[in-house]
Amino acid sequence: MSLLAPFGPLGVASARTGVSDRPAATARRDAVVEFVVHALLSDVDVARSVVPRLEAAVDESIVVTGPSMHTTSRTELIAELLEGDDAITDVDARITRTSTFGDSVFAEWSVRGRFTNAAFLDDDVLVEPTGNLVQACGMMVLDFTGDRVGRVQCFYDRSAMVEQVLRARA
């Protein structure tokens, strides 16, 4: 089952779509945030299944920065997601809290997955998979231009993830 299966056309959980006291624009932005965060945190298989929706949700000139990604266009972003590291699979990503300030949405998240495929550290050290659970938490700042995301900044402790992967093989 796909991580995004319980989400509607733009990735918002059906329970949130029933909220009637928020303006439609806010609900749409919430849906885009939910979808983009899940698309960026999910594994390669999920990324493949959501490319058309991702193209519709982000600007052509989107900039994405984080500890393990830097892209400056929608084309680069999609290529990075499709060719990205698939060491962690069966990903379960959750948004734990959001806050909005102007055209920016701050989304705290947590993610868990299985270390099921070999991974390279610093492009020269191969770490064999163990199947063990790996988890992380962090935050994304999504800046909107109209109803599309124009910039994403992702913050998390990459060192903690690497430590979990290395500890798992001991």
N, C-alpha and C. Protein backbone atom coordinates (compact mmCIF):
# COMPACT_ATOMS: atom_id res chain seq x y z
N MET A 1 0.84 -1.19 0.00
CA MET A 1 0.00 0.00 0.00
C MET A 1 0.88 1.24 0.00
N SER A 2 0.59 2.17 -0.83
CA SER A 2 1.35 3.40 -0.94
C SER A 2 1.16 4.27 0.30
N LEU A 3 2.22 4.95 0.67
CA LEU A 3 2.16 5.86 1.80
C LEU A 3 1.07 6.91 1.60
N LEU A 4 0.87 7.34 0.36
CA LEU A 4 -0.07 8.42 0.10
C LEU A 4 -1.48 7.93 -0.18
N ALA A 5 -1.71 6.62 -0.11
CA ALA A 5 -3.04 6.08 -0.42
C ALA A 5 -4.15 6.71 0.40
N PRO A 6 -3.96 7.00 1.71
CA PRO A 6 -5.08 7.56 2.46
C PRO A 6 -5.33 9.03 2.17
N PHE A 7 -4.56 9.61 1.30
CA PHE A 7 -4.67 11.04 1.04
C PHE A 7 -5.47 11.29 -0.22
N GLY A 8 -6.16 12.42 -0.23
CA GLY A 8 -6.99 12.82 -1.36
C GLY A 8 -6.16 13.28 -2.54
N PRO A 9 -6.76 13.98 -3.49
CA PRO A 9 -6.10 14.34 -4.74
C PRO A 9 -4.81 15.14 -4.55
N LEU A 10 -4.74 15.94 -3.51
CA LEU A 10 -3.52 16.71 -3.29
C LEU A 10 -2.77 16.23 -2.06
N GLY A 11 -3.23 15.17 -1.44
CA GLY A 11 -2.48 14.60 -0.35
C GLY A 11 -2.99 14.93 1.03
N VAL A 12 -4.16 15.50 1.17
CA VAL A 12 -4.65 15.83 2.51
C VAL A 12 -5.56 14.71 3.02
N ALA A 13 -5.40 14.36 4.25
CA ALA A 13 -6.22 13.30 4.84
C ALA A 13 -7.69 13.71 4.80
N SER A 14 -8.55 12.74 4.55
CA SER A 14 -9.97 13.04 4.38
C SER A 14 -10.56 13.69 5.63
N ALA A 15 -10.04 13.39 6.81
CA ALA A 15 -10.57 14.01 8.02
C ALA A 15 -10.34 15.51 8.02
N ARG A 16 -9.26 15.97 7.38
CA ARG A 16 -8.98 17.41 7.35
C ARG A 16 -9.84 18.13 6.32
N THR A 17 -10.26 17.43 5.27
CA THR A 17 -11.05 18.09 4.24
C THR A 17 -12.43 18.48 4.73
N GLY A 18 -12.89 17.85 5.80
CA GLY A 18 -14.19 18.16 6.35
C GLY A 18 -14.22 19.40 7.22
N VAL A 19 -13.09 20.02 7.46
CA VAL A 19 -13.05 21.21 8.31
C VAL A 19 -13.67 22.36 7.55
N SER A 20 -14.75 22.93 8.08
CA SER A 20 -15.48 23.95 7.34
C SER A 20 -15.22 25.37 7.83
N ASP A 21 -14.50 25.54 8.94
CA ASP A 21 -14.30 26.88 9.47
C ASP A 21 -13.05 27.56 8.92
N ARG A 22 -12.36 26.93 7.97
CA ARG A 22 -11.19 27.53 7.37
C ARG A 22 -11.50 27.91 5.93
N PRO A 23 -10.94 29.01 5.47
CA PRO A 23 -11.16 29.40 4.08
C PRO A 23 -10.64 28.33 3.12
N ALA A 24 -11.22 28.28 1.94
CA ALA A 24 -10.82 27.28 0.94
C ALA A 24 -9.35 27.41 0.58
N ALA A 25 -8.82 28.63 0.49
CA ALA A 25 -7.41 28.83 0.15
C ALA A 25 -6.49 28.23 1.21
N THR A 26 -6.86 28.35 2.48
CA THR A 26 -6.07 27.78 3.57
C THR A 26 -6.12 26.26 3.50
N ALA A 27 -7.28 25.71 3.25
CA ALA A 27 -7.42 24.26 3.15
C ALA A 27 -6.60 23.73 1.98
N ARG A 28 -6.62 24.45 0.86
CA ARG A 28 -5.83 24.04 -0.31
C ARG A 28 -4.35 24.09 0.02
N ARG A 29 -3.90 25.15 0.68
CA ARG A 29 -2.48 25.26 1.05
C ARG A 29 -2.09 24.13 1.99
N ASP A 30 -2.95 23.83 2.97
CA ASP A 30 -2.69 22.71 3.88
C ASP A 30 -2.53 21.40 3.11
N ALA A 31 -3.39 21.20 2.11
CA ALA A 31 -3.32 19.99 1.30
C ALA A 31 -2.01 19.91 0.53
N VAL A 32 -1.58 21.03 -0.03
CA VAL A 32 -0.33 21.06 -0.78
C VAL A 32 0.85 20.78 0.15
N VAL A 33 0.86 21.38 1.33
CA VAL A 33 1.93 21.15 2.30
C VAL A 33 1.99 19.67 2.65
N GLU A 34 0.86 19.10 3.01
CA GLU A 34 0.82 17.69 3.39
C GLU A 34 1.35 16.82 2.27
N PHE A 35 0.91 17.08 1.06
CA PHE A 35 1.33 16.28 -0.08
C PHE A 35 2.83 16.43 -0.35
N VAL A 36 3.34 17.66 -0.42
CA VAL A 36 4.75 17.89 -0.76
C VAL A 36 5.67 17.29 0.30
N VAL A 37 5.36 17.49 1.56
CA VAL A 37 6.19 16.92 2.63
C VAL A 37 6.24 15.40 2.49
N HIS A 38 5.10 14.76 2.31
CA HIS A 38 5.09 13.31 2.16
C HIS A 38 5.84 12.87 0.91
N ALA A 39 5.68 13.58 -0.18
CA ALA A 39 6.38 13.21 -1.42
C ALA A 39 7.89 13.31 -1.25
N LEU A 40 8.37 14.34 -0.56
CA LEU A 40 9.81 14.52 -0.38
C LEU A 40 10.40 13.51 0.61
N LEU A 41 9.63 13.07 1.58
CA LEU A 41 10.15 12.15 2.60
C LEU A 41 9.98 10.68 2.23
N SER A 42 9.16 10.38 1.26
CA SER A 42 8.85 8.99 0.93
C SER A 42 9.97 8.33 0.15
N ASP A 43 9.82 7.02 -0.07
CA ASP A 43 10.84 6.29 -0.82
C ASP A 43 10.62 6.46 -2.32
N VAL A 44 11.55 5.92 -3.10
CA VAL A 44 11.56 6.09 -4.55
C VAL A 44 10.29 5.56 -5.20
N ASP A 45 9.78 4.43 -4.72
CA ASP A 45 8.57 3.87 -5.31
C ASP A 45 7.39 4.82 -5.19
N VAL A 46 7.24 5.46 -4.04
CA VAL A 46 6.16 6.43 -3.86
C VAL A 46 6.41 7.64 -4.75
N ALA A 47 7.66 8.11 -4.81
CA ALA A 47 7.98 9.28 -5.64
C ALA A 47 7.55 9.04 -7.09
N ARG A 48 7.81 7.85 -7.60
CA ARG A 48 7.42 7.52 -8.98
C ARG A 48 5.92 7.66 -9.18
N SER A 49 5.15 7.30 -8.17
CA SER A 49 3.70 7.30 -8.33
C SER A 49 3.06 8.68 -8.20
N VAL A 50 3.80 9.68 -7.72
CA VAL A 50 3.20 10.99 -7.49
C VAL A 50 3.78 12.11 -8.35
N VAL A 51 4.61 11.78 -9.33
CA VAL A 51 5.27 12.81 -10.14
C VAL A 51 4.28 13.81 -10.75
N PRO A 52 3.20 13.39 -11.41
CA PRO A 52 2.29 14.38 -12.01
C PRO A 52 1.69 15.33 -10.96
N ARG A 53 1.32 14.81 -9.81
CA ARG A 53 0.76 15.67 -8.76
C ARG A 53 1.83 16.60 -8.19
N LEU A 54 3.06 16.11 -8.08
CA LEU A 54 4.14 16.96 -7.59
C LEU A 54 4.42 18.09 -8.57
N GLU A 55 4.42 17.79 -9.86
CA GLU A 55 4.63 18.83 -10.87
C GLU A 55 3.58 19.92 -10.76
N ALA A 56 2.34 19.55 -10.43
CA ALA A 56 1.26 20.53 -10.30
C ALA A 56 1.36 21.34 -9.01
N ALA A 57 2.04 20.80 -8.00
CA ALA A 57 2.07 21.45 -6.69
C ALA A 57 3.24 22.40 -6.49
N VAL A 58 4.27 22.30 -7.34
CA VAL A 58 5.47 23.13 -7.14
C VAL A 58 5.76 23.98 -8.36
N ASP A 59 6.41 25.14 -8.11
CA ASP A 59 6.83 26.03 -9.20
C ASP A 59 7.87 25.36 -10.08
N GLU A 60 7.96 25.80 -11.31
CA GLU A 60 9.00 25.30 -12.22
C GLU A 60 10.39 25.63 -11.69
N SER A 61 10.53 26.75 -11.00
CA SER A 61 11.84 27.17 -10.50
C SER A 61 12.01 26.91 -9.01
N ILE A 62 11.37 25.86 -8.49
CA ILE A 62 11.44 25.55 -7.07
C ILE A 62 12.90 25.28 -6.65
N VAL A 63 13.24 25.79 -5.48
CA VAL A 63 14.54 25.53 -4.87
C VAL A 63 14.30 24.67 -3.64
N VAL A 64 15.00 23.55 -3.56
CA VAL A 64 14.90 22.66 -2.40
C VAL A 64 16.29 22.49 -1.82
N THR A 65 16.44 22.79 -0.53
CA THR A 65 17.73 22.63 0.12
C THR A 65 17.56 21.83 1.40
N GLY A 66 18.57 21.05 1.71
CA GLY A 66 18.58 20.25 2.92
C GLY A 66 19.90 19.53 3.04
N PRO A 67 20.08 18.76 4.11
CA PRO A 67 21.34 18.06 4.32
C PRO A 67 21.71 17.09 3.20
N SER A 68 20.72 16.55 2.50
CA SER A 68 21.05 15.56 1.47
C SER A 68 20.48 15.91 0.10
N MET A 69 20.03 17.14 -0.09
CA MET A 69 19.47 17.52 -1.38
C MET A 69 19.61 19.01 -1.61
N HIS A 70 19.95 19.35 -2.86
CA HIS A 70 19.91 20.75 -3.30
C HIS A 70 19.52 20.75 -4.77
N THR A 71 18.34 21.31 -5.05
CA THR A 71 17.87 21.41 -6.43
C THR A 71 17.40 22.84 -6.68
N THR A 72 17.43 23.23 -7.95
CA THR A 72 17.03 24.60 -8.29
C THR A 72 15.96 24.65 -9.38
N SER A 73 15.31 23.53 -9.63
CA SER A 73 14.20 23.52 -10.59
C SER A 73 13.32 22.30 -10.33
N ARG A 74 12.13 22.34 -10.88
CA ARG A 74 11.22 21.20 -10.75
C ARG A 74 11.81 19.97 -11.43
N THR A 75 12.45 20.17 -12.58
CA THR A 75 13.08 19.05 -13.29
C THR A 75 14.16 18.40 -12.44
N GLU A 76 15.02 19.21 -11.82
CA GLU A 76 16.07 18.66 -10.94
C GLU A 76 15.47 17.94 -9.74
N LEU A 77 14.44 18.53 -9.15
CA LEU A 77 13.80 17.93 -7.98
C LEU A 77 13.25 16.55 -8.31
N ILE A 78 12.52 16.45 -9.40
CA ILE A 78 11.92 15.17 -9.77
C ILE A 78 13.00 14.15 -10.11
N ALA A 79 14.03 14.58 -10.83
CA ALA A 79 15.14 13.66 -11.13
C ALA A 79 15.80 13.16 -9.85
N GLU A 80 16.01 14.05 -8.90
CA GLU A 80 16.63 13.67 -7.63
C GLU A 80 15.76 12.67 -6.87
N LEU A 81 14.46 12.89 -6.86
CA LEU A 81 13.56 11.97 -6.16
C LEU A 81 13.52 10.60 -6.84
N LEU A 82 13.53 10.59 -8.17
CA LEU A 82 13.44 9.33 -8.90
C LEU A 82 14.75 8.56 -8.90
N GLU A 83 15.87 9.26 -8.81
CA GLU A 83 17.19 8.62 -8.82
C GLU A 83 17.81 8.60 -7.44
N GLY A 84 17.05 9.01 -6.44
CA GLY A 84 17.59 9.18 -5.10
C GLY A 84 17.94 7.89 -4.41
N ASP A 85 18.44 8.04 -3.23
CA ASP A 85 18.86 6.93 -2.39
C ASP A 85 17.64 6.11 -2.00
N ASP A 86 17.72 4.82 -2.24
CA ASP A 86 16.61 3.94 -1.88
C ASP A 86 17.01 2.98 -0.76
N ALA A 87 17.95 3.39 0.09
CA ALA A 87 18.41 2.53 1.18
C ALA A 87 17.33 2.32 2.23
N ILE A 88 16.51 3.34 2.45
CA ILE A 88 15.43 3.26 3.42
C ILE A 88 14.12 3.08 2.65
N THR A 89 13.40 2.00 2.96
CA THR A 89 12.12 1.72 2.27
C THR A 89 11.03 1.53 3.31
N ASP A 90 9.84 1.27 2.83
CA ASP A 90 8.67 1.11 3.71
C ASP A 90 8.54 2.33 4.62
N VAL A 91 8.67 3.48 4.03
CA VAL A 91 8.71 4.74 4.78
C VAL A 91 7.32 5.13 5.28
N ASP A 92 7.27 5.51 6.53
CA ASP A 92 6.05 6.05 7.14
C ASP A 92 6.38 7.46 7.60
N ALA A 93 5.91 8.45 6.89
CA ALA A 93 6.17 9.85 7.21
C ALA A 93 4.92 10.49 7.77
N ARG A 94 5.10 11.29 8.82
CA ARG A 94 3.97 11.96 9.45
C ARG A 94 4.32 13.41 9.74
N ILE A 95 3.37 14.28 9.49
CA ILE A 95 3.51 15.67 9.91
C ILE A 95 2.95 15.76 11.32
N THR A 96 3.76 16.26 12.24
CA THR A 96 3.34 16.31 13.63
C THR A 96 2.77 17.67 14.02
N ARG A 97 3.16 18.73 13.30
CA ARG A 97 2.64 20.06 13.61
C ARG A 97 2.98 21.01 12.47
N THR A 98 2.08 21.94 12.20
CA THR A 98 2.36 22.98 11.21
C THR A 98 2.05 24.34 11.80
N SER A 99 2.70 25.34 11.25
CA SER A 99 2.46 26.73 11.64
C SER A 99 2.67 27.58 10.39
N THR A 100 1.83 28.58 10.24
CA THR A 100 1.90 29.44 9.06
C THR A 100 2.27 30.85 9.46
N PHE A 101 3.17 31.44 8.68
CA PHE A 101 3.54 32.83 8.87
C PHE A 101 3.64 33.45 7.49
N GLY A 102 2.67 34.27 7.14
CA GLY A 102 2.64 34.87 5.81
C GLY A 102 2.51 33.80 4.74
N ASP A 103 3.44 33.78 3.78
CA ASP A 103 3.42 32.80 2.70
C ASP A 103 4.28 31.58 2.99
N SER A 104 4.70 31.44 4.24
CA SER A 104 5.54 30.30 4.64
C SER A 104 4.78 29.39 5.60
N VAL A 105 4.97 28.09 5.39
CA VAL A 105 4.40 27.09 6.29
C VAL A 105 5.56 26.29 6.86
N PHE A 106 5.56 26.14 8.18
CA PHE A 106 6.58 25.39 8.89
C PHE A 106 5.94 24.05 9.27
N ALA A 107 6.52 22.96 8.78
CA ALA A 107 5.95 21.64 9.02
C ALA A 107 6.97 20.77 9.75
N GLU A 108 6.65 20.41 10.99
CA GLU A 108 7.48 19.46 11.73
C GLU A 108 7.05 18.07 11.31
N TRP A 109 8.01 17.16 11.16
CA TRP A 109 7.70 15.83 10.68
C TRP A 109 8.53 14.77 11.41
N SER A 110 8.04 13.54 11.33
CA SER A 110 8.80 12.38 11.77
C SER A 110 8.68 11.33 10.69
N VAL A 111 9.70 10.51 10.58
CA VAL A 111 9.73 9.48 9.54
C VAL A 111 10.39 8.22 10.10
N ARG A 112 9.85 7.08 9.69
CA ARG A 112 10.40 5.78 10.07
C ARG A 112 10.45 4.92 8.81
N GLY A 113 11.45 4.10 8.72
CA GLY A 113 11.56 3.20 7.59
C GLY A 113 12.54 2.09 7.89
N ARG A 114 12.66 1.17 6.96
CA ARG A 114 13.56 0.03 7.11
C ARG A 114 14.80 0.20 6.24
N PHE A 115 15.95 -0.10 6.82
CA PHE A 115 17.22 -0.04 6.10
C PHE A 115 17.36 -1.34 5.32
N THR A 116 16.80 -1.36 4.09
CA THR A 116 16.68 -2.60 3.32
C THR A 116 17.59 -2.69 2.10
N ASN A 117 18.23 -1.60 1.71
CA ASN A 117 19.13 -1.62 0.56
C ASN A 117 20.46 -1.00 0.95
N ALA A 118 21.52 -1.48 0.33
CA ALA A 118 22.86 -0.97 0.62
C ALA A 118 22.92 0.54 0.41
N ALA A 119 23.76 1.19 1.19
CA ALA A 119 23.90 2.65 1.10
C ALA A 119 25.38 3.03 1.10
N PHE A 120 25.68 4.09 0.37
CA PHE A 120 27.03 4.64 0.38
C PHE A 120 27.09 5.81 1.34
N LEU A 121 28.14 5.86 2.14
CA LEU A 121 28.41 7.01 2.99
C LEU A 121 29.58 7.75 2.37
N ASP A 122 29.42 9.02 2.12
CA ASP A 122 30.47 9.84 1.50
C ASP A 122 31.00 9.23 0.21
N ASP A 123 30.16 8.57 -0.54
CA ASP A 123 30.45 8.01 -1.86
C ASP A 123 31.56 6.96 -1.90
N ASP A 124 32.10 6.54 -0.75
CA ASP A 124 33.18 5.55 -0.82
C ASP A 124 33.07 4.41 0.18
N VAL A 125 32.16 4.50 1.14
CA VAL A 125 31.98 3.45 2.13
C VAL A 125 30.60 2.83 1.92
N LEU A 126 30.59 1.55 1.54
CA LEU A 126 29.33 0.84 1.32
C LEU A 126 28.89 0.20 2.63
N VAL A 127 27.64 0.47 3.02
CA VAL A 127 27.06 -0.13 4.22
C VAL A 127 25.97 -1.09 3.77
N GLU A 128 26.13 -2.35 4.16
CA GLU A 128 25.15 -3.37 3.78
C GLU A 128 23.88 -3.23 4.61
N PRO A 129 22.72 -3.53 4.03
CA PRO A 129 21.44 -3.37 4.74
C PRO A 129 21.25 -4.40 5.85
N THR A 130 20.49 -4.01 6.85
CA THR A 130 20.18 -4.91 7.97
C THR A 130 18.69 -5.16 8.11
N GLY A 131 17.86 -4.34 7.49
CA GLY A 131 16.42 -4.45 7.66
C GLY A 131 15.92 -3.79 8.93
N ASN A 132 16.82 -3.23 9.72
CA ASN A 132 16.44 -2.59 10.98
C ASN A 132 15.68 -1.29 10.75
N LEU A 133 14.91 -0.91 11.75
CA LEU A 133 14.15 0.32 11.75
C LEU A 133 15.09 1.52 11.92
N VAL A 134 14.87 2.55 11.11
CA VAL A 134 15.60 3.81 11.20
C VAL A 134 14.56 4.91 11.30
N GLN A 135 14.79 5.90 12.16
CA GLN A 135 13.81 6.98 12.30
C GLN A 135 14.51 8.32 12.44
N ALA A 136 13.76 9.35 12.10
CA ALA A 136 14.28 10.71 12.19
C ALA A 136 13.11 11.68 12.35
N CYS A 137 13.44 12.88 12.77
CA CYS A 137 12.45 13.94 12.81
C CYS A 137 13.14 15.22 12.34
N GLY A 138 12.33 16.15 11.91
CA GLY A 138 12.89 17.40 11.40
C GLY A 138 11.80 18.39 11.09
N MET A 139 12.16 19.37 10.27
CA MET A 139 11.21 20.41 9.92
C MET A 139 11.46 20.83 8.47
N MET A 140 10.40 21.18 7.78
CA MET A 140 10.48 21.77 6.46
C MET A 140 9.81 23.12 6.51
N VAL A 141 10.42 24.07 5.83
CA VAL A 141 9.81 25.38 5.63
C VAL A 141 9.44 25.44 4.15
N LEU A 142 8.16 25.59 3.88
CA LEU A 142 7.68 25.65 2.50
C LEU A 142 7.20 27.07 2.23
N ASP A 143 7.83 27.74 1.27
CA ASP A 143 7.45 29.09 0.89
C ASP A 143 6.59 29.02 -0.37
N PHE A 144 5.45 29.68 -0.31
CA PHE A 144 4.50 29.65 -1.42
C PHE A 144 4.61 30.87 -2.30
N THR A 145 4.36 30.66 -3.57
CA THR A 145 4.15 31.70 -4.56
C THR A 145 2.78 31.40 -5.14
N GLY A 146 1.79 32.15 -4.71
CA GLY A 146 0.42 31.82 -5.08
C GLY A 146 0.01 30.53 -4.39
N ASP A 147 -0.48 29.56 -5.18
CA ASP A 147 -0.89 28.29 -4.58
C ASP A 147 0.11 27.16 -4.83
N ARG A 148 1.31 27.52 -5.29
CA ARG A 148 2.37 26.53 -5.52
C ARG A 148 3.55 26.77 -4.59
N VAL A 149 4.27 25.70 -4.30
CA VAL A 149 5.46 25.81 -3.47
C VAL A 149 6.62 26.27 -4.34
N GLY A 150 7.30 27.34 -3.90
CA GLY A 150 8.42 27.89 -4.65
C GLY A 150 9.78 27.60 -4.02
N ARG A 151 9.75 27.23 -2.73
CA ARG A 151 11.01 26.94 -2.04
C ARG A 151 10.73 26.02 -0.86
N VAL A 152 11.63 25.06 -0.66
CA VAL A 152 11.55 24.17 0.50
C VAL A 152 12.93 24.12 1.15
N GLN A 153 12.94 24.35 2.44
CA GLN A 153 14.16 24.17 3.23
C GLN A 153 13.88 23.03 4.21
N CYS A 154 14.72 22.02 4.19
CA CYS A 154 14.52 20.85 5.04
C CYS A 154 15.65 20.79 6.06
N PHE A 155 15.26 20.61 7.31
CA PHE A 155 16.23 20.54 8.40
C PHE A 155 16.04 19.24 9.16
N TYR A 156 17.11 18.48 9.32
CA TYR A 156 17.10 17.29 10.17
C TYR A 156 18.55 16.94 10.48
N ASP A 157 18.73 16.06 11.44
CA ASP A 157 20.06 15.67 11.86
C ASP A 157 20.51 14.46 11.04
N ARG A 158 21.20 14.71 9.94
CA ARG A 158 21.68 13.63 9.07
C ARG A 158 22.65 12.72 9.82
N SER A 159 23.44 13.28 10.71
CA SER A 159 24.40 12.49 11.49
C SER A 159 23.69 11.42 12.32
N ALA A 160 22.55 11.77 12.89
CA ALA A 160 21.80 10.80 13.68
C ALA A 160 21.30 9.65 12.81
N MET A 161 20.89 9.96 11.57
CA MET A 161 20.46 8.90 10.65
C MET A 161 21.64 7.98 10.32
N VAL A 162 22.78 8.57 10.01
CA VAL A 162 23.96 7.78 9.67
C VAL A 162 24.36 6.90 10.86
N GLU A 163 24.29 7.46 12.05
CA GLU A 163 24.63 6.70 13.26
C GLU A 163 23.71 5.49 13.41
N GLN A 164 22.43 5.66 13.14
CA GLN A 164 21.49 4.54 13.25
C GLN A 164 21.82 3.45 12.24
N VAL A 165 22.16 3.86 11.02
CA VAL A 165 22.50 2.89 9.98
C VAL A 165 23.77 2.14 10.36
N LEU A 166 24.78 2.86 10.85
CA LEU A 166 26.03 2.22 11.22
C LEU A 166 25.85 1.33 12.45
N ARG A 167 25.09 1.77 13.41
CA ARG A 167 24.83 0.99 14.62
C ARG A 167 24.08 -0.30 14.26
N ALA A 168 23.21 -0.22 13.30
CA ALA A 168 22.40 -1.37 12.92
C ALA A 168 23.24 -2.53 12.37
N ARG A 169 24.41 -2.22 11.81
CA ARG A 169 25.22 -3.30 11.23
C ARG A 169 26.15 -3.94 12.24
N ALA A 170 26.27 -3.37 13.43
CA ALA A 170 27.18 -3.93 14.43
C ALA A 170 26.63 -5.18 15.07
